[in-house]
């Protein structure tokens, strides 16, 4: 079947218009948020994050975060509250969940509407937990990322937010994670970085 040049241009224009419309709709969906109350705080989460039944009783809430284009797996956001604890101990534990050979990490502090926070960004080969937590089994998973937050909510306790999954997917959600509790990357103070080639 032969197409005239005019008809081919017209079809291309329609296709491009449809793609632009779909992209605009996807961006609009990403911008929509829902307020979710978790214990004594309220997070504003993107409508694309799907609330799930927590895998363990230790989790206050859990969300599935959709995979970025090109990633096969989604990410997971888990929220905990254990009361006050040593932030450096938590950071060391999160770092130890990655293999040192290709690990990159940064730690920053900030202040949000909810309270002060520590924002930890780690990428590399993640020792991903598999099976029941009590078994302690892990599986090395390259090209992974964890964004972890220690959020000190004034008079409401300490909350821990941990998003883990494919590097590209998690990195794409960094701003949304910060916005969920009122954080701002531009106002954060970087306190430590670790980069290994």
C-alpha atoms as a PDB file:
ATOM      1  CA  UNK A   1       0.000   0.000   0.000  1.00  0.00           C
ATOM      2  CA  UNK A   2       1.467   3.338  -1.057  1.00  0.00           C
ATOM      3  CA  UNK A   3       0.909   6.549   0.867  1.00  0.00           C
ATOM      4  CA  UNK A   4       1.138  10.005  -0.588  1.00  0.00           C
ATOM      5  CA  UNK A   5       3.644  12.338   1.088  1.00  0.00           C
ATOM      6  CA  UNK A   6       0.802  14.584   2.250  1.00  0.00           C
ATOM      7  CA  UNK A   7      -1.039  11.643   3.852  1.00  0.00           C
ATOM      8  CA  UNK A   8       2.190  10.350   5.474  1.00  0.00           C
ATOM      9  CA  UNK A   9       2.869  13.807   6.974  1.00  0.00           C
ATOM     10  CA  UNK A  10      -0.738  13.979   8.200  1.00  0.00           C
ATOM     11  CA  UNK A  11      -0.465  10.531   9.875  1.00  0.00           C
ATOM     12  CA  UNK A  12       2.852  11.492  11.496  1.00  0.00           C
ATOM     13  CA  UNK A  13       1.265  14.688  12.817  1.00  0.00           C
ATOM     14  CA  UNK A  14      -1.629  12.730  14.323  1.00  0.00           C
ATOM     15  CA  UNK A  15       0.773  10.242  15.929  1.00  0.00           C
ATOM     16  CA  UNK A  16       2.917  13.017  17.416  1.00  0.00           C
ATOM     17  CA  UNK A  17      -0.162  14.818  18.732  1.00  0.00           C
ATOM     18  CA  UNK A  18      -1.399  11.614  20.377  1.00  0.00           C
ATOM     19  CA  UNK A  19       2.007  10.986  21.968  1.00  0.00           C
ATOM     20  CA  UNK A  20       2.163  14.570  23.250  1.00  0.00           C
ATOM     21  CA  UNK A  21      -1.328  14.222  24.709  1.00  0.00           C
ATOM     22  CA  UNK A  22      -0.419  10.923  26.425  1.00  0.00           C
ATOM     23  CA  UNK A  23       2.768  12.463  27.859  1.00  0.00           C
ATOM     24  CA  UNK A  24       0.850  15.485  29.147  1.00  0.00           C
ATOM     25  CA  UNK A  25      -1.713  13.178  30.788  1.00  0.00           C
ATOM     26  CA  UNK A  26       1.056  11.057  32.380  1.00  0.00           C
ATOM     27  CA  UNK A  27       2.733  14.193  33.746  1.00  0.00           C
ATOM     28  CA  UNK A  28      -0.618  15.428  35.078  1.00  0.00           C
ATOM     29  CA  UNK A  29      -1.198  12.073  36.789  1.00  0.00           C
ATOM     30  CA  UNK A  30       2.285  12.263  38.354  1.00  0.00           C
ATOM     31  CA  UNK A  31       1.438  15.733  39.716  1.00  0.00           C
ATOM     32  CA  UNK A  32      -1.718  14.495  41.490  1.00  0.00           C
ATOM     33  CA  UNK A  33      -1.212  13.605  45.134  1.00  0.00           C
ATOM     34  CA  UNK A  34      -3.280  12.083  47.891  1.00  0.00           C
ATOM     35  CA  UNK A  35      -2.904  12.833  51.582  1.00  0.00           C
ATOM     36  CA  UNK A  36      -2.333   9.643  53.567  1.00  0.00           C
ATOM     37  CA  UNK A  37      -2.382   9.654  57.362  1.00  0.00           C
ATOM     38  CA  UNK A  38       0.229   7.357  58.875  1.00  0.00           C
ATOM     39  CA  UNK A  39       0.056   7.237  62.644  1.00  0.00           C
ATOM     40  CA  UNK A  40       0.603  10.876  63.701  1.00  0.00           C
ATOM     41  CA  UNK A  41       1.821  12.342  60.390  1.00  0.00           C
ATOM     42  CA  UNK A  42       0.261  12.925  56.991  1.00  0.00           C
ATOM     43  CA  UNK A  43       2.188  12.297  53.787  1.00  0.00           C
ATOM     44  CA  UNK A  44       1.222  13.688  50.390  1.00  0.00           C
ATOM     45  CA  UNK A  45       1.895  10.800  47.999  1.00  0.00           C
ATOM     46  CA  UNK A  46       1.619  10.692  44.196  1.00  0.00           C
ATOM     47  CA  UNK A  47      -1.515   8.985  42.931  1.00  0.00           C
ATOM     48  CA  UNK A  48       0.689   6.467  41.084  1.00  0.00           C
ATOM     49  CA  UNK A  49       2.011   5.046  44.363  1.00  0.00           C
ATOM     50  CA  UNK A  50      -0.279   2.174  45.311  1.00  0.00           C
ATOM     51  CA  UNK A  51      -0.887   1.532  48.998  1.00  0.00           C
ATOM     52  CA  UNK A  52      -0.399  -2.128  49.922  1.00  0.00           C
ATOM     53  CA  UNK A  53      -0.847  -4.339  52.941  1.00  0.00           C
ATOM     54  CA  UNK A  54       2.447  -4.118  54.900  1.00  0.00           C
ATOM     55  CA  UNK A  55       4.605  -7.260  54.652  1.00  0.00           C
ATOM     56  CA  UNK A  56       5.420  -7.200  58.360  1.00  0.00           C
ATOM     57  CA  UNK A  57       3.849  -5.858  61.530  1.00  0.00           C
ATOM     58  CA  UNK A  58       6.820  -3.546  61.963  1.00  0.00           C
ATOM     59  CA  UNK A  59       5.708  -1.487  58.951  1.00  0.00           C
ATOM     60  CA  UNK A  60       3.160   1.256  59.486  1.00  0.00           C
ATOM     61  CA  UNK A  61       2.517   1.525  55.755  1.00  0.00           C
ATOM     62  CA  UNK A  62       3.815   0.265  52.434  1.00  0.00           C
ATOM     63  CA  UNK A  63       3.513   1.521  48.846  1.00  0.00           C
ATOM     64  CA  UNK A  64       4.348   0.054  45.453  1.00  0.00           C
ATOM     65  CA  UNK A  65       6.065   2.649  43.249  1.00  0.00           C
ATOM     66  CA  UNK A  66       5.671   2.098  39.482  1.00  0.00           C
ATOM     67  CA  UNK A  67       8.724   1.149  37.438  1.00  0.00           C
ATOM     68  CA  UNK A  68      10.347   3.806  35.283  1.00  0.00           C
ATOM     69  CA  UNK A  69      10.476   3.192  31.551  1.00  0.00           C
ATOM     70  CA  UNK A  70      13.064   0.500  30.875  1.00  0.00           C
ATOM     71  CA  UNK A  71      12.946  -1.006  34.397  1.00  0.00           C
ATOM     72  CA  UNK A  72      11.272  -4.398  34.819  1.00  0.00           C
ATOM     73  CA  UNK A  73      10.489  -4.122  38.542  1.00  0.00           C
ATOM     74  CA  UNK A  74       8.674  -1.560  40.624  1.00  0.00           C
ATOM     75  CA  UNK A  75      10.135  -0.023  43.780  1.00  0.00           C
ATOM     76  CA  UNK A  76       8.779  -0.277  47.294  1.00  0.00           C
ATOM     77  CA  UNK A  77       8.356   2.379  49.965  1.00  0.00           C
ATOM     78  CA  UNK A  78       8.118   1.136  53.546  1.00  0.00           C
ATOM     79  CA  UNK A  79       7.401   3.376  56.537  1.00  0.00           C
ATOM     80  CA  UNK A  80       8.358   2.562  60.126  1.00  0.00           C
ATOM     81  CA  UNK A  81       8.387   4.285  63.518  1.00  0.00           C
ATOM     82  CA  UNK A  82      10.570   2.833  66.268  1.00  0.00           C
ATOM     83  CA  UNK A  83      10.929   5.929  68.407  1.00  0.00           C
ATOM     84  CA  UNK A  84      14.184   7.798  68.827  1.00  0.00           C
ATOM     85  CA  UNK A  85      17.358   6.035  67.790  1.00  0.00           C
ATOM     86  CA  UNK A  86      20.905   6.861  66.740  1.00  0.00           C
ATOM     87  CA  UNK A  87      20.742   8.195  63.144  1.00  0.00           C
ATOM     88  CA  UNK A  88      24.333   7.115  62.445  1.00  0.00           C
ATOM     89  CA  UNK A  89      23.503   3.503  63.384  1.00  0.00           C
ATOM     90  CA  UNK A  90      20.627   3.473  60.889  1.00  0.00           C
ATOM     91  CA  UNK A  91      22.802   5.000  58.178  1.00  0.00           C
ATOM     92  CA  UNK A  92      25.533   2.397  58.775  1.00  0.00           C
ATOM     93  CA  UNK A  93      22.933  -0.373  58.563  1.00  0.00           C
ATOM     94  CA  UNK A  94      21.554   0.966  55.262  1.00  0.00           C
ATOM     95  CA  UNK A  95      25.088   1.293  53.862  1.00  0.00           C
ATOM     96  CA  UNK A  96      25.877  -2.290  54.893  1.00  0.00           C
ATOM     97  CA  UNK A  97      22.954  -3.492  52.772  1.00  0.00           C
ATOM     98  CA  UNK A  98      25.007  -2.553  49.682  1.00  0.00           C
ATOM     99  CA  UNK A  99      28.219  -4.178  48.477  1.00  0.00           C
ATOM    100  CA  UNK A 100      31.134  -1.807  49.081  1.00  0.00           C
ATOM    101  CA  UNK A 101      32.799  -2.381  45.679  1.00  0.00           C
ATOM    102  CA  UNK A 102      30.422  -0.187  43.641  1.00  0.00           C
ATOM    103  CA  UNK A 103      28.514   1.657  46.343  1.00  0.00           C
ATOM    104  CA  UNK A 104      27.878   5.401  46.072  1.00  0.00           C
ATOM    105  CA  UNK A 105      26.221   7.285  48.902  1.00  0.00           C
ATOM    106  CA  UNK A 106      25.359  10.735  50.134  1.00  0.00           C
ATOM    107  CA  UNK A 107      23.816  12.001  53.352  1.00  0.00           C
ATOM    108  CA  UNK A 108      22.082  15.364  53.702  1.00  0.00           C
ATOM    109  CA  UNK A 109      20.079  17.113  56.408  1.00  0.00           C
ATOM    110  CA  UNK A 110      17.104  19.393  56.043  1.00  0.00           C
ATOM    111  CA  UNK A 111      14.023  20.870  57.669  1.00  0.00           C
ATOM    112  CA  UNK A 112      10.487  20.204  56.459  1.00  0.00           C
ATOM    113  CA  UNK A 113       7.026  21.284  57.583  1.00  0.00           C
ATOM    114  CA  UNK A 114       6.846  18.031  59.565  1.00  0.00           C
ATOM    115  CA  UNK A 115      10.257  18.449  61.228  1.00  0.00           C
ATOM    116  CA  UNK A 116      14.001  17.969  60.784  1.00  0.00           C
ATOM    117  CA  UNK A 117      15.167  15.105  58.601  1.00  0.00           C
ATOM    118  CA  UNK A 118      18.168  13.163  57.311  1.00  0.00           C
ATOM    119  CA  UNK A 119      18.052  12.109  53.654  1.00  0.00           C
ATOM    120  CA  UNK A 120      20.243   9.162  52.613  1.00  0.00           C
ATOM    121  CA  UNK A 121      20.818   8.212  48.959  1.00  0.00           C
ATOM    122  CA  UNK A 122      22.669   4.938  48.258  1.00  0.00           C
ATOM    123  CA  UNK A 123      23.192   3.172  44.927  1.00  0.00           C
ATOM    124  CA  UNK A 124      25.082   0.137  43.679  1.00  0.00           C
ATOM    125  CA  UNK A 125      24.624  -3.601  44.278  1.00  0.00           C
ATOM    126  CA  UNK A 126      21.900  -4.035  46.897  1.00  0.00           C
ATOM    127  CA  UNK A 127      21.706  -7.152  49.045  1.00  0.00           C
ATOM    128  CA  UNK A 128      17.966  -7.391  48.488  1.00  0.00           C
ATOM    129  CA  UNK A 129      16.034  -9.292  51.172  1.00  0.00           C
ATOM    130  CA  UNK A 130      14.266 -12.392  49.826  1.00  0.00           C
ATOM    131  CA  UNK A 131      11.807 -14.621  51.616  1.00  0.00           C
ATOM    132  CA  UNK A 132      10.594 -14.110  55.176  1.00  0.00           C
ATOM    133  CA  UNK A 133      12.503 -11.385  57.095  1.00  0.00           C
ATOM    134  CA  UNK A 134      13.366 -13.823  59.910  1.00  0.00           C
ATOM    135  CA  UNK A 135      15.319 -15.965  57.425  1.00  0.00           C
ATOM    136  CA  UNK A 136      17.749 -13.108  56.768  1.00  0.00           C
ATOM    137  CA  UNK A 137      18.348 -14.220  53.162  1.00  0.00           C
ATOM    138  CA  UNK A 138      19.494 -11.713  50.548  1.00  0.00           C
ATOM    139  CA  UNK A 139      20.183 -11.685  46.830  1.00  0.00           C
ATOM    140  CA  UNK A 140      22.797  -9.387  45.227  1.00  0.00           C
ATOM    141  CA  UNK A 141      20.918  -6.998  42.937  1.00  0.00           C
ATOM    142  CA  UNK A 142      23.058  -4.664  40.792  1.00  0.00           C
ATOM    143  CA  UNK A 143      21.840  -1.251  39.591  1.00  0.00           C
ATOM    144  CA  UNK A 144      19.757  -0.700  42.705  1.00  0.00           C
ATOM    145  CA  UNK A 145      19.069   2.355  44.806  1.00  0.00           C
ATOM    146  CA  UNK A 146      17.726   3.145  48.262  1.00  0.00           C
ATOM    147  CA  UNK A 147      16.426   6.506  49.395  1.00  0.00           C
ATOM    148  CA  UNK A 148      16.022   6.490  53.163  1.00  0.00           C
ATOM    149  CA  UNK A 149      14.703   9.253  55.396  1.00  0.00           C
ATOM    150  CA  UNK A 150      14.865   9.737  59.142  1.00  0.00           C
ATOM    151  CA  UNK A 151      12.060  12.203  59.838  1.00  0.00           C
ATOM    152  CA  UNK A 152      11.886  13.714  63.312  1.00  0.00           C
ATOM    153  CA  UNK A 153       8.281  14.892  63.545  1.00  0.00           C
ATOM    154  CA  UNK A 154       7.982  17.432  66.339  1.00  0.00           C
ATOM    155  CA  UNK A 155       6.096  15.947  69.303  1.00  0.00           C
ATOM    156  CA  UNK A 156       4.979  13.063  67.061  1.00  0.00           C
ATOM    157  CA  UNK A 157       7.991  10.752  67.093  1.00  0.00           C
ATOM    158  CA  UNK A 158      10.617   9.576  64.639  1.00  0.00           C
ATOM    159  CA  UNK A 159       9.597   8.075  61.295  1.00  0.00           C
ATOM    160  CA  UNK A 160      11.731   6.076  58.860  1.00  0.00           C
ATOM    161  CA  UNK A 161      10.885   6.050  55.160  1.00  0.00           C
ATOM    162  CA  UNK A 162      12.793   3.637  52.944  1.00  0.00           C
ATOM    163  CA  UNK A 163      12.300   3.386  49.196  1.00  0.00           C
ATOM    164  CA  UNK A 164      14.197   0.521  47.533  1.00  0.00           C
ATOM    165  CA  UNK A 165      14.258  -0.752  43.971  1.00  0.00           C
ATOM    166  CA  UNK A 166      15.867  -0.330  40.561  1.00  0.00           C
ATOM    167  CA  UNK A 167      18.229   2.658  40.375  1.00  0.00           C
ATOM    168  CA  UNK A 168      16.381   4.481  37.594  1.00  0.00           C
ATOM    169  CA  UNK A 169      12.941   3.999  39.154  1.00  0.00           C
ATOM    170  CA  UNK A 170      13.980   5.134  42.631  1.00  0.00           C
ATOM    171  CA  UNK A 171      16.063   8.076  41.376  1.00  0.00           C
ATOM    172  CA  UNK A 172      13.038   9.319  39.407  1.00  0.00           C
ATOM    173  CA  UNK A 173      11.012   9.434  42.648  1.00  0.00           C
ATOM    174  CA  UNK A 174      13.496  11.413  44.786  1.00  0.00           C
ATOM    175  CA  UNK A 175      11.646  14.719  44.458  1.00  0.00           C
ATOM    176  CA  UNK A 176       8.261  13.088  45.051  1.00  0.00           C
ATOM    177  CA  UNK A 177       9.573  11.371  48.187  1.00  0.00           C
ATOM    178  CA  UNK A 178      10.874  14.675  49.533  1.00  0.00           C
ATOM    179  CA  UNK A 179       7.633  16.473  48.675  1.00  0.00           C
ATOM    180  CA  UNK A 180       5.604  13.794  50.475  1.00  0.00           C
ATOM    181  CA  UNK A 181       6.776  15.196  53.819  1.00  0.00           C
ATOM    182  CA  UNK A 182       7.637  18.757  52.718  1.00  0.00           C
ATOM    183  CA  UNK A 183      11.390  18.338  52.147  1.00  0.00           C
ATOM    184  CA  UNK A 184      13.387  20.507  49.736  1.00  0.00           C
ATOM    185  CA  UNK A 185      16.628  19.301  48.110  1.00  0.00           C
ATOM    186  CA  UNK A 186      17.811  22.856  47.414  1.00  0.00           C
ATOM    187  CA  UNK A 187      17.744  23.718  51.109  1.00  0.00           C
ATOM    188  CA  UNK A 188      19.460  20.552  52.312  1.00  0.00           C
ATOM    189  CA  UNK A 189      22.994  20.530  53.658  1.00  0.00           C
ATOM    190  CA  UNK A 190      25.168  17.665  52.392  1.00  0.00           C
ATOM    191  CA  UNK A 191      27.061  16.237  55.364  1.00  0.00           C
ATOM    192  CA  UNK A 192      28.765  13.238  53.801  1.00  0.00           C
ATOM    193  CA  UNK A 193      29.359  11.642  50.420  1.00  0.00           C
ATOM    194  CA  UNK A 194      30.914   8.372  49.363  1.00  0.00           C
ATOM    195  CA  UNK A 195      31.785   7.676  45.737  1.00  0.00           C
ATOM    196  CA  UNK A 196      33.657   4.614  44.551  1.00  0.00           C
ATOM    197  CA  UNK A 197      34.605   4.036  40.953  1.00  0.00           C
END
